[in-house]
Amino acid sequence: MKKTIFTIGLITITLFANAQKVSIGPTAGLGDKWIDNFKGDTKFGISWNAGVSFIYSKKRHFSLGIDMKYSREGNKSSYQTPGPADGLITVTNTINSNYLRIPVKLIYYFGKERNLIRPKISAGPDFGFFLNGKNIADFEDYKLKSDIDIKGFDVGGIVTAGLNFKLANSASLNTDVVYYNGFTNIAKKYNDNLNMAMQINPFPDNRKYYNRNVQLNIGLLIALKKK
């Protein structure tokens, strides 16, 4: 997997380094995460990302964007399970899964290039490489942590809407609301380190599980060459 990540990164850098209208800069985002079809009542779970954005602009309204970023995803939910003396206890289950994400976006800008503020929308595929993750089950009185074992590759799609703020001829601030919809069933196999009797296996059945998240991203772009 490391070789694949390196190859994609090298191709991306080479393509943009040779392009004539390129902007590059840091990007970061914060939002909500969840896993579709996960058991229990879904709660708000913090999702975040940080990385770098590359934008290639050739047309007045269209651009191609590629990001490389570290992304914290997963799920947070609560449910009840049998406890001592035939009672029920509430379990809060949190999955923190870490990915290297490479989204590829076709961006459409509204308005004219000289405008100080330009609305924009974008969409495209998003390729994720699973790095590591933890499952945390909180049983009110104690917590049980274990590694999670999910598929190493996740692919999905993103749609975004945002604003581009022109700060100078060669610099702009970008804000985007981003929705990610995973297409890959991430469940791989049961983790033997978890306690089946306590029902804390994060993927206990044959349902299919898909990553989802919505985030607010903010990025600074610097033009490498004048348009």
Protein backbone atom coordinates (compact mmCIF):
# COMPACT_ATOMS: atom_id res chain seq x y z
CA MET A 1 0.00 0.00 0.00
CA LYS A 2 2.87 2.38 0.79
CA LYS A 3 4.21 1.92 -2.75
CA THR A 4 0.78 2.75 -4.20
CA ILE A 5 0.48 5.89 -2.08
CA PHE A 6 3.97 7.00 -3.07
CA THR A 7 3.24 6.43 -6.77
CA ILE A 8 0.00 8.44 -6.67
CA GLY A 9 1.74 11.24 -4.82
CA LEU A 10 4.62 11.32 -7.29
CA ILE A 11 2.28 11.40 -10.30
CA THR A 12 0.23 14.20 -8.74
CA ILE A 13 3.27 16.34 -7.96
CA THR A 14 4.73 15.76 -11.44
CA LEU A 15 1.52 16.70 -13.26
CA PHE A 16 0.99 19.88 -11.31
CA ALA A 17 4.65 20.89 -11.38
CA ASN A 18 4.55 20.86 -15.18
CA ALA A 19 1.24 22.67 -15.47
CA GLN A 20 1.07 26.36 -16.37
CA LYS A 21 -1.69 27.59 -14.05
CA VAL A 22 -1.23 25.95 -10.69
CA SER A 23 -2.09 26.95 -7.12
CA ILE A 24 -1.03 25.08 -4.02
CA GLY A 25 -1.63 25.50 -0.32
CA PRO A 26 -2.66 24.00 3.02
CA THR A 27 -6.19 22.87 3.78
CA ALA A 28 -7.97 21.70 6.93
CA GLY A 29 -11.52 20.78 7.89
CA LEU A 30 -13.79 19.89 10.78
CA GLY A 31 -17.20 18.25 10.89
CA ASP A 32 -19.34 15.21 11.68
CA LYS A 33 -18.63 11.54 10.93
CA TRP A 34 -20.77 8.42 10.83
CA ILE A 35 -20.93 4.92 9.36
CA ASP A 36 -24.10 4.04 7.49
CA ASN A 37 -25.96 0.98 8.86
CA PHE A 38 -24.09 1.07 12.18
CA LYS A 39 -26.07 -0.23 15.14
CA GLY A 40 -27.53 2.01 17.83
CA ASP A 41 -28.44 5.68 17.89
CA THR A 42 -25.90 7.73 15.95
CA LYS A 43 -24.31 10.60 17.86
CA PHE A 44 -22.25 13.55 16.71
CA GLY A 45 -18.65 12.44 16.25
CA ILE A 46 -15.83 14.82 15.44
CA SER A 47 -14.26 14.30 12.03
CA TRP A 48 -11.28 16.31 10.85
CA ASN A 49 -8.71 16.46 8.08
CA ALA A 50 -5.51 18.30 7.23
CA GLY A 51 -3.32 18.29 4.16
CA VAL A 52 -2.46 20.10 0.96
CA SER A 53 -4.49 21.14 -2.10
CA PHE A 54 -3.41 21.43 -5.73
CA ILE A 55 -5.56 23.39 -8.20
CA TYR A 56 -4.99 23.48 -11.95
CA SER A 57 -6.91 26.25 -13.71
CA LYS A 58 -7.07 26.49 -17.49
CA LYS A 59 -10.60 27.68 -18.20
CA ARG A 60 -12.35 30.73 -16.81
CA HIS A 61 -14.97 28.75 -14.93
CA PHE A 62 -13.47 25.27 -14.60
CA SER A 63 -10.56 23.94 -12.55
CA LEU A 64 -9.20 20.54 -11.57
CA GLY A 65 -8.38 19.97 -7.92
CA ILE A 66 -6.48 17.19 -6.16
CA ASP A 67 -5.95 16.99 -2.40
CA MET A 68 -3.69 14.81 -0.30
CA LYS A 69 -4.75 14.78 3.32
CA TYR A 70 -4.86 12.88 6.60
CA SER A 71 -8.48 12.23 7.56
CA ARG A 72 -10.03 11.12 10.88
CA GLU A 73 -13.32 9.30 10.27
CA GLY A 74 -15.50 6.62 11.90
CA ASN A 75 -18.65 6.62 13.99
CA LYS A 76 -20.11 7.35 17.42
CA SER A 77 -23.31 5.73 18.67
CA SER A 78 -24.99 4.41 21.79
CA TYR A 79 -27.13 1.33 22.44
CA GLN A 80 -28.26 -0.88 25.29
CA THR A 81 -26.99 -4.37 25.95
CA PRO A 82 -27.70 -6.99 28.67
CA GLY A 83 -25.88 -6.29 31.91
CA PRO A 84 -25.62 -7.73 35.45
CA ALA A 85 -28.73 -9.15 37.14
CA ASP A 86 -30.76 -9.23 33.93
CA GLY A 87 -30.50 -5.47 33.64
CA LEU A 88 -29.47 -3.26 30.74
CA ILE A 89 -26.46 -1.03 30.44
CA THR A 90 -25.88 1.74 27.92
CA VAL A 91 -22.80 1.41 25.74
CA THR A 92 -21.30 4.34 23.88
CA ASN A 93 -19.24 3.01 21.01
CA THR A 94 -16.71 5.18 19.15
CA ILE A 95 -14.74 4.20 16.06
CA ASN A 96 -11.78 6.36 15.09
CA SER A 97 -10.43 5.34 11.69
CA ASN A 98 -7.56 7.19 10.05
CA TYR A 99 -7.14 7.46 6.29
CA LEU A 100 -4.90 9.02 3.71
CA ARG A 101 -7.42 10.64 1.38
CA ILE A 102 -6.89 11.69 -2.25
CA PRO A 103 -10.01 13.41 -3.60
CA VAL A 104 -10.08 14.48 -7.25
CA LYS A 105 -12.50 17.31 -8.00
CA LEU A 106 -13.88 19.08 -11.05
CA ILE A 107 -14.57 22.62 -9.83
CA TYR A 108 -16.95 25.14 -11.38
CA TYR A 109 -16.59 28.82 -10.43
CA PHE A 110 -19.45 31.28 -10.85
CA GLY A 111 -18.85 34.91 -11.77
CA LYS A 112 -15.79 36.54 -13.31
CA GLU A 113 -12.13 35.97 -12.43
CA ARG A 114 -11.69 39.56 -11.27
CA ASN A 115 -14.48 39.24 -8.69
CA LEU A 116 -13.35 39.37 -5.07
CA ILE A 117 -15.82 36.62 -4.11
CA ARG A 118 -16.76 33.71 -6.40
CA PRO A 119 -19.22 30.97 -5.43
CA LYS A 120 -18.20 27.49 -6.55
CA ILE A 121 -19.32 23.88 -6.62
CA SER A 122 -17.36 20.70 -7.23
CA ALA A 123 -17.71 16.94 -7.38
CA GLY A 124 -15.55 13.89 -8.00
CA PRO A 125 -14.17 10.60 -6.70
CA ASP A 126 -12.33 10.25 -3.38
CA PHE A 127 -9.77 7.50 -2.80
CA GLY A 128 -8.96 6.48 0.78
CA PHE A 129 -6.13 4.34 2.13
CA PHE A 130 -6.80 3.01 5.64
CA LEU A 131 -3.88 3.66 8.00
CA ASN A 132 -5.07 2.52 11.44
CA GLY A 133 -7.99 2.76 13.83
CA LYS A 134 -9.40 2.12 17.28
CA ASN A 135 -12.72 0.93 18.64
CA ILE A 136 -13.63 2.40 22.06
CA ALA A 137 -16.57 0.92 23.98
CA ASP A 138 -17.62 2.93 27.05
CA PHE A 139 -19.62 0.77 29.50
CA GLU A 140 -20.45 3.61 31.93
CA ASP A 141 -17.97 2.30 34.52
CA TYR A 142 -15.05 1.40 32.28
CA LYS A 143 -13.75 1.59 28.74
CA LEU A 144 -12.50 -1.14 26.46
CA LYS A 145 -10.20 -0.22 23.56
CA SER A 146 -9.12 -2.41 20.68
CA ASP A 147 -7.73 -2.11 17.19
CA ILE A 148 -10.16 -2.33 14.30
CA ASP A 149 -9.61 -4.41 11.20
CA ILE A 150 -11.37 -2.98 8.15
CA LYS A 151 -10.68 -2.94 4.43
CA GLY A 152 -7.51 -1.15 3.42
CA PHE A 153 -9.04 0.78 0.53
CA ASP A 154 -12.17 2.91 0.47
CA VAL A 155 -13.55 4.74 -2.54
CA GLY A 156 -16.44 7.15 -2.60
CA GLY A 157 -17.65 10.43 -4.02
CA ILE A 158 -17.65 14.01 -2.79
CA VAL A 159 -19.81 17.01 -3.56
CA THR A 160 -18.94 20.49 -2.33
CA ALA A 161 -20.26 24.03 -2.31
CA GLY A 162 -18.31 27.04 -1.18
CA LEU A 163 -16.77 30.45 -1.75
CA ASN A 164 -13.45 31.63 -3.13
CA PHE A 165 -12.16 34.89 -1.62
CA LYS A 166 -9.51 36.72 -3.63
CA LEU A 167 -6.86 38.06 -1.26
CA ALA A 168 -4.34 39.16 -3.88
CA ASN A 169 -3.45 38.44 -7.50
CA SER A 170 -1.69 35.26 -6.46
CA ALA A 171 -3.52 34.27 -3.26
CA SER A 172 -7.04 33.21 -2.35
CA LEU A 173 -8.94 31.82 0.63
CA ASN A 174 -11.26 28.89 -0.05
CA THR A 175 -14.16 27.68 2.07
CA ASP A 176 -16.16 24.55 1.23
CA VAL A 177 -18.89 22.48 2.78
CA VAL A 178 -17.95 18.92 1.77
CA TYR A 179 -20.10 15.80 1.86
CA TYR A 180 -18.40 12.41 1.46
CA ASN A 181 -20.41 9.31 0.51
CA GLY A 182 -18.49 6.04 0.63
CA PHE A 183 -19.21 3.32 -1.93
CA THR A 184 -17.07 0.57 -0.35
CA ASN A 185 -18.32 -1.80 2.34
CA ILE A 186 -15.55 -1.25 4.89
CA ALA A 187 -16.37 -4.29 7.09
CA LYS A 188 -13.65 -6.91 6.72
CA LYS A 189 -13.82 -9.45 9.52
CA TYR A 190 -14.53 -9.88 13.20
CA ASN A 191 -11.82 -8.72 15.60
CA ASP A 192 -11.14 -11.63 17.96
CA ASN A 193 -9.93 -9.27 20.66
CA LEU A 194 -13.45 -8.02 21.25
CA ASN A 195 -15.89 -9.58 23.67
CA MET A 196 -18.84 -11.09 21.81
CA ALA A 197 -20.80 -11.62 25.03
CA MET A 198 -20.78 -7.87 25.67
CA GLN A 199 -21.85 -7.20 22.06
CA ILE A 200 -19.19 -4.61 21.37
CA ASN A 201 -18.03 -5.91 18.02
CA PRO A 202 -18.44 -2.80 15.81
CA PHE A 203 -19.52 -4.91 12.80
CA PRO A 204 -21.52 -7.78 14.33
CA ASP A 205 -23.56 -9.00 11.37
CA ASN A 206 -23.68 -9.26 7.61
CA ARG A 207 -24.89 -5.74 6.98
CA LYS A 208 -22.83 -3.47 4.75
CA TYR A 209 -21.13 -0.45 6.30
CA TYR A 210 -20.17 2.74 4.47
CA ASN A 211 -18.18 5.79 5.55
CA ARG A 212 -19.99 9.10 5.59
CA ASN A 213 -18.95 12.56 6.74
CA VAL A 214 -19.75 16.23 6.25
CA GLN A 215 -17.14 18.88 6.94
CA LEU A 216 -16.32 22.56 6.61
CA ASN A 217 -12.96 22.92 4.88
CA ILE A 218 -10.83 26.06 4.77
CA GLY A 219 -7.74 26.41 2.61
CA LEU A 220 -5.21 28.99 1.45
CA LEU A 221 -4.08 28.81 -2.19
CA ILE A 222 -0.96 30.45 -3.59
CA ALA A 223 -0.47 30.66 -7.37
CA LEU A 224 2.88 29.26 -8.46
CA LYS A 225 2.79 31.02 -11.82
CA LYS A 226 0.94 34.07 -13.02
CA LYS A 227 -2.10 33.45 -15.17
